[in-house]
Protein backbone atom coordinates (compact mmCIF):
# COMPACT_ATOMS: atom_id res chain seq x y z
CA MET A 1 -42.35 0.56 21.28
CA ASN A 2 -42.03 -0.21 17.55
CA PHE A 3 -42.26 3.51 16.83
CA ILE A 4 -39.26 4.16 19.10
CA ILE A 5 -37.23 1.38 17.46
CA ASP A 6 -38.05 2.63 13.95
CA ALA A 7 -36.95 6.14 14.90
CA PHE A 8 -33.38 4.92 15.30
CA LYS A 9 -33.26 2.86 12.10
CA PRO A 10 -31.70 4.41 8.99
CA ALA A 11 -34.26 6.47 7.09
CA CYS A 12 -32.84 5.38 3.74
CA HIS A 13 -30.32 3.21 1.94
CA VAL A 14 -27.40 5.03 0.30
CA SER A 15 -25.19 3.40 -2.33
CA VAL A 16 -22.41 4.56 -4.66
CA THR A 17 -21.99 3.05 -8.13
CA PHE A 18 -19.03 3.78 -10.43
CA ALA A 19 -19.96 4.40 -14.07
CA ASP A 20 -17.28 2.02 -15.42
CA ALA A 21 -17.51 -0.55 -12.61
CA LYS A 22 -17.94 -3.50 -15.00
CA LEU A 23 -14.89 -2.54 -17.06
CA ARG A 24 -12.57 -1.33 -14.33
CA LYS A 25 -10.17 -3.74 -12.63
CA GLN A 26 -11.14 -4.78 -9.10
CA VAL A 27 -8.51 -5.33 -6.40
CA ALA A 28 -8.62 -6.58 -2.82
CA LEU A 29 -8.65 -4.00 -0.03
CA LYS A 30 -8.19 -5.07 3.58
CA LYS A 31 -10.67 -3.35 5.89
CA GLU A 32 -10.15 -2.32 9.51
CA ASN A 33 -12.06 -5.38 10.72
CA GLY A 34 -9.58 -7.64 8.91
CA GLN A 35 -12.01 -8.63 6.15
CA THR A 36 -11.18 -8.16 2.47
CA GLU A 37 -13.37 -6.25 0.03
CA MET A 38 -13.07 -6.01 -3.76
CA VAL A 39 -12.99 -2.36 -4.85
CA PRO A 40 -12.22 -0.56 -8.14
CA LEU A 41 -8.67 0.44 -9.04
CA PHE A 42 -7.81 3.97 -10.21
CA ARG A 43 -4.67 5.89 -11.14
CA SER A 44 -3.77 9.52 -10.75
CA GLN A 45 -5.46 11.78 -13.34
CA ASP A 46 -8.33 9.32 -13.85
CA ASN A 47 -11.91 10.56 -14.09
CA ILE A 48 -14.04 9.30 -11.22
CA ILE A 49 -17.64 9.21 -12.41
CA GLY A 50 -20.65 7.55 -10.86
CA THR A 51 -24.04 7.76 -9.25
CA VAL A 52 -25.21 8.16 -5.66
CA SER A 53 -28.54 6.43 -5.05
CA VAL A 54 -30.77 7.38 -2.12
CA GLU A 55 -33.69 5.02 -1.46
CA PRO A 56 -36.00 5.85 1.47
CA VAL A 57 -37.30 3.05 3.66
CA PRO A 58 -40.82 2.09 2.42
CA GLY A 59 -43.44 4.28 4.00
CA ARG A 60 -40.97 6.95 5.09
CA LYS A 61 -39.58 10.13 3.57
CA VAL A 62 -36.13 11.68 3.92
CA GLU A 63 -36.09 15.34 4.87
CA HIS A 64 -32.67 16.88 4.35
CA LYS A 65 -30.76 20.15 4.20
CA GLY A 66 -28.65 19.15 1.21
CA ILE A 67 -26.73 16.18 -0.20
CA LYS A 68 -23.05 16.21 -1.19
CA VAL A 69 -20.32 13.77 -2.20
CA GLU A 70 -16.67 14.33 -1.29
CA LEU A 71 -13.56 12.68 -2.73
CA LEU A 72 -11.01 12.43 0.05
CA GLY A 73 -7.38 11.29 0.18
CA GLN A 74 -6.51 10.66 3.82
CA ILE A 75 -3.63 9.53 6.02
CA GLU A 76 -4.36 8.01 9.43
CA MET A 77 -1.71 7.32 12.05
CA TYR A 78 -2.76 4.38 14.23
CA SER A 79 -1.24 6.16 17.25
CA ASP A 80 -3.82 8.88 16.59
CA ARG A 81 -6.61 6.61 15.37
CA GLY A 82 -9.73 8.35 14.15
CA ASN A 83 -7.96 11.57 13.16
CA PHE A 84 -7.37 11.84 9.42
CA TYR A 85 -5.00 14.17 7.58
CA ASP A 86 -6.67 15.14 4.30
CA PHE A 87 -4.21 15.73 1.45
CA THR A 88 -6.93 15.66 -1.23
CA SER A 89 -10.42 17.08 -0.71
CA LEU A 90 -12.93 17.70 -3.52
CA VAL A 91 -16.69 18.18 -3.17
CA ARG A 92 -19.74 18.08 -5.42
CA GLU A 93 -23.14 19.34 -4.24
CA LEU A 94 -25.80 16.84 -5.37
CA ASP A 95 -29.11 18.27 -4.11
CA ILE A 96 -30.59 21.35 -2.48
CA PRO A 97 -32.62 21.06 0.76
CA GLY A 98 -35.87 19.18 0.29
CA GLU A 99 -37.62 15.84 0.73
CA ILE A 100 -37.16 12.46 -0.94
CA TYR A 101 -40.12 10.07 -1.12
CA GLU A 102 -38.78 7.42 -3.50
CA LYS A 103 -35.47 6.20 -4.88
CA LYS A 104 -33.50 9.02 -6.47
CA ASP A 105 -30.20 8.92 -8.38
CA PHE A 106 -27.64 11.72 -8.31
CA PRO A 107 -24.84 11.59 -10.92
CA PHE A 108 -21.41 12.99 -10.03
CA GLU A 109 -18.07 13.49 -11.74
CA PHE A 110 -14.55 14.33 -10.55
CA SER A 111 -12.40 15.00 -13.63
CA THR A 112 -8.66 14.21 -13.95
CA VAL A 113 -8.21 13.85 -10.21
CA GLU A 114 -4.69 14.38 -8.87
CA MET A 115 -4.00 11.35 -6.66
CA PRO A 116 -0.22 11.42 -6.16
CA TYR A 117 0.08 8.76 -3.46
CA GLU A 118 -0.81 5.08 -3.49
CA THR A 119 -3.27 3.35 -1.20
CA TYR A 120 -1.26 1.81 1.65
CA SER A 121 -2.06 -0.15 4.80
CA GLY A 122 0.89 -0.66 7.12
CA ILE A 123 1.72 -1.44 10.73
CA ASN A 124 1.29 2.08 12.10
CA VAL A 125 -0.25 4.06 9.25
CA ARG A 126 -2.71 3.79 6.40
CA LEU A 127 -3.38 5.94 3.35
CA ARG A 128 -6.82 5.65 1.79
CA TYR A 129 -9.03 7.19 -0.87
CA VAL A 130 -12.75 7.33 -0.23
CA LEU A 131 -15.98 8.81 -1.56
CA LYS A 132 -17.98 10.25 1.33
CA VAL A 133 -21.69 10.89 0.82
CA THR A 134 -23.39 13.16 3.38
CA ILE A 135 -27.12 13.73 3.65
CA THR A 136 -27.29 16.72 5.98
CA ARG A 137 -30.16 16.68 8.46
CA GLY A 138 -31.03 18.10 11.84
CA TYR A 139 -32.53 15.62 14.28
CA PRO A 140 -31.91 12.64 14.31
CA GLY A 141 -28.59 13.45 12.64
CA SER A 142 -26.92 13.41 9.23
CA ILE A 143 -26.56 10.22 7.19
CA VAL A 144 -23.01 9.43 6.04
CA GLN A 145 -21.93 6.66 3.66
CA PHE A 146 -18.36 5.78 2.61
CA GLN A 147 -17.14 4.02 -0.53
CA ASP A 148 -13.46 3.04 -0.69
CA PHE A 149 -11.40 2.68 -3.83
CA VAL A 150 -7.72 1.92 -4.45
CA VAL A 151 -5.10 4.05 -6.20
CA ARG A 152 -1.91 2.62 -7.71
CA ASN A 153 0.49 4.62 -9.85
CA ASN A 154 2.98 3.20 -12.35
CA SER A 155 6.54 4.44 -12.77
CA PRO A 156 8.78 4.28 -15.84
CA SER A 157 11.84 2.05 -15.81
CA PRO A 158 14.75 3.99 -14.29
CA SER A 159 17.20 5.37 -16.83
CA ILE A 160 20.10 4.61 -14.46
CA ASN A 161 20.10 1.37 -12.49
CA ASN A 162 23.53 0.59 -11.15
CA SER A 163 24.52 -2.79 -9.78
CA ILE A 164 25.38 -3.22 -6.10
CA LYS A 165 28.84 -4.58 -5.28
CA MET A 166 30.29 -4.64 -1.77
CA GLU A 167 32.96 -6.40 0.25
CA VAL A 168 32.34 -7.28 3.87
CA GLY A 169 34.04 -9.36 6.49
CA ILE A 170 35.78 -9.80 9.79
CA GLU A 171 39.50 -9.11 9.83
CA ASP A 172 41.58 -12.26 9.28
CA CYS A 173 38.48 -14.44 9.74
CA LEU A 174 35.96 -13.88 6.98
CA HIS A 175 35.99 -11.93 3.74
CA ILE A 176 33.14 -12.13 1.25
CA GLU A 177 32.10 -10.13 -1.77
CA PHE A 178 28.48 -9.90 -2.86
CA GLU A 179 26.98 -8.48 -6.01
CA TYR A 180 23.36 -7.78 -7.05
CA ASN A 181 22.59 -7.10 -10.69
CA LYS A 182 20.84 -3.78 -9.97
CA SER A 183 19.66 -1.49 -7.18
CA LYS A 184 16.11 -0.78 -8.40
CA TYR A 185 13.53 -3.51 -8.95
CA HIS A 186 9.91 -3.54 -10.05
CA LEU A 187 7.33 -5.54 -8.09
CA LYS A 188 7.49 -8.60 -10.39
CA ASP A 189 11.24 -8.51 -10.87
CA VAL A 190 13.95 -11.06 -10.10
CA ILE A 191 16.97 -10.32 -7.91
CA ILE A 192 20.01 -11.90 -9.54
CA GLY A 193 23.44 -11.88 -7.96
CA LYS A 194 26.44 -13.79 -6.65
CA ILE A 195 28.35 -14.19 -3.42
CA TYR A 196 32.10 -14.89 -3.48
CA PHE A 197 34.01 -16.27 -0.49
CA LEU A 198 37.48 -14.74 -0.57
CA LEU A 199 38.54 -15.82 2.94
CA VAL A 200 36.87 -18.37 5.23
CA ARG A 201 38.40 -19.07 8.64
CA ILE A 202 35.08 -19.34 10.49
CA LYS A 203 33.03 -22.52 10.38
CA MET A 204 29.83 -21.32 8.72
CA LYS A 205 26.57 -23.24 9.16
CA ASN A 206 24.17 -21.48 6.81
CA MET A 207 23.46 -18.24 4.98
CA ASP A 208 20.12 -16.57 4.18
CA LEU A 209 18.98 -13.58 2.16
CA GLU A 210 16.04 -11.63 3.62
CA ILE A 211 13.81 -8.93 2.21
CA ARG A 212 12.95 -6.43 4.93
CA ARG A 213 10.45 -3.60 4.91
CA ARG A 214 11.06 -0.61 7.16
CA GLU A 215 8.11 1.67 7.86
CA SER A 216 8.85 4.98 9.58
CA THR A 217 6.17 7.38 10.78
CA GLY A 218 6.36 10.83 12.35
CA SER A 219 9.45 13.03 12.40
CA GLY A 220 12.24 14.15 14.70
CA THR A 221 12.10 12.75 18.21
CA SER A 222 8.61 11.35 17.57
CA THR A 223 9.75 9.11 14.71
CA HIS A 224 8.59 5.51 15.08
CA VAL A 225 10.18 2.73 13.02
CA GLU A 226 8.84 -0.78 12.44
CA THR A 227 10.80 -3.45 10.53
CA GLU A 228 9.30 -6.69 9.26
CA THR A 229 10.88 -9.57 7.36
CA LEU A 230 8.79 -10.36 4.29
CA ALA A 231 10.92 -13.09 2.73
CA LYS A 232 13.70 -15.44 3.79
CA TYR A 233 15.65 -17.26 1.09
CA GLU A 234 18.24 -19.90 1.99
CA LEU A 235 21.41 -19.40 -0.04
CA MET A 236 23.64 -21.99 1.57
CA ASP A 237 23.42 -24.91 3.99
CA GLY A 238 26.85 -26.09 5.06
CA ALA A 239 30.38 -24.74 5.23
CA PRO A 240 31.75 -22.82 2.22
CA VAL A 241 35.39 -22.90 1.14
CA ARG A 242 37.65 -20.18 -0.14
CA GLY A 243 37.00 -19.33 -3.77
CA GLU A 244 33.45 -20.69 -3.72
CA SER A 245 30.74 -18.73 -5.53
CA ILE A 246 27.03 -18.97 -4.68
CA PRO A 247 24.41 -17.71 -7.16
CA ILE A 248 21.36 -15.69 -6.10
CA ARG A 249 18.03 -15.80 -7.92
CA LEU A 250 15.11 -14.47 -5.88
CA PHE A 251 11.70 -13.83 -7.47
CA LEU A 252 9.78 -10.91 -5.96
CA SER A 253 6.31 -11.70 -7.33
CA PRO A 254 5.27 -14.17 -4.56
CA TYR A 255 5.65 -11.51 -1.86
CA GLU A 256 3.27 -8.73 -0.84
CA LEU A 257 5.49 -5.77 -1.63
CA THR A 258 4.65 -2.14 -2.28
CA PRO A 259 6.75 0.46 -4.05
CA THR A 260 9.26 2.43 -2.00
CA TYR A 261 7.55 5.49 -0.51
CA ARG A 262 9.81 8.37 0.50
CA ASN A 263 8.40 10.94 2.92
CA THR A 264 4.80 10.61 1.73
CA ASN A 265 3.06 13.92 2.50
CA ASN A 266 5.71 14.43 5.24
CA LYS A 267 3.94 11.70 7.26
CA PHE A 268 5.61 8.35 6.57
CA SER A 269 8.18 6.44 4.52
CA VAL A 270 8.46 2.81 3.42
CA LYS A 271 11.86 1.44 2.43
CA TYR A 272 13.14 -2.01 1.46
CA TYR A 273 16.42 -3.74 2.28
CA LEU A 274 18.25 -6.89 1.27
CA ASN A 275 19.68 -8.38 4.44
CA LEU A 276 22.43 -10.98 4.17
CA VAL A 277 22.58 -13.21 7.27
CA LEU A 278 25.44 -15.61 8.01
CA VAL A 279 25.32 -18.04 10.95
CA ASP A 280 28.40 -19.90 12.24
CA GLU A 281 28.49 -23.23 14.09
CA GLU A 282 28.31 -21.41 17.43
CA ASP A 283 25.09 -19.71 16.24
CA ARG A 284 26.70 -16.29 16.04
CA ARG A 285 24.98 -14.19 13.40
CA TYR A 286 26.60 -11.75 11.00
CA PHE A 287 24.54 -9.22 9.03
CA LYS A 288 25.02 -6.98 6.04
CA GLN A 289 22.12 -4.81 4.89
CA GLN A 290 21.68 -2.93 1.62
CA GLU A 291 18.78 -0.67 0.63
CA ILE A 292 17.05 -1.27 -2.68
CA THR A 293 14.33 0.71 -4.46
CA ILE A 294 11.04 -0.95 -5.40
CA TYR A 295 8.79 0.61 -8.05
CA ARG A 296 5.54 -0.26 -9.83
CA LEU A 297 5.87 -0.90 -13.55
CA ALA A 298 2.94 -1.05 -15.97
CA GLU A 299 1.94 -4.66 -16.66
CA SER A 300 2.74 -4.42 -20.36
CA SER A 301 6.22 -3.14 -19.50
CA GLU A 302 6.75 -6.01 -17.06
CA GLN A 303 5.94 -8.52 -19.80
CA ALA A 304 8.31 -6.77 -22.21
CA GLU A 305 11.13 -6.88 -19.64
CA ALA A 306 10.50 -10.58 -19.04
CA LEU A 307 10.94 -11.24 -22.74
């Protein structure tokens, strides 16, 4: 009986170690089971260097038909779970067919890897980067081990960043003008603006500013859109009067934002909106939405902007 049980146990332990693991920044990555794992952070054009270790179970050997490591960039639609679209696929052969009796290390290197898209985990889609180690065998089957890592790419500050200024209202009842200091914000930025009440003939109860994320997947008639409210900031509690001005100062750093992603690999997009919500005393709600662009700025640049 023990022999039968042992036959279905893994023949070896496989691990992946990054060469600069102790120096490289570690970030949290949420797994499919909801748990969080700390993994190394890379950027496009980085070298990905490390070692694959194969350690047979004591008293056993590993017969194989070759060992390889693949670097994969994949997109998975949750409506088609389990099927991955590979946009990056690189492979390194580590060993020719043979037998392994004791722990053996196999170094690997992927130089200046093009990783154009960021790691993303959304409502209906995820984009991931992974190292996949495969020990090819016949019976009882190949051994496969995955090692995730995260990719984030910085963007320069936009050369043109116009302010947003709009007038909205209901004829002869309400007329307001709102202004935001710019239309493009980095992840640690501050939204600064003002709201002017030019005409108020409706009894207003309160006014909020929301940050909304809109994730769209698919294309054409199969497009699926999900919108979630990430932040809600109370601007006013009570009735405004004509000529009143309300300042806006909303810090983005407390919220879990990503950059804006436009048509990533023709699979999905992520956009952000500022949504102004006014509620009158009869609980009628009035909305005005404006798209903004979010981008990732290098940390040193963020500190310089803050100064």
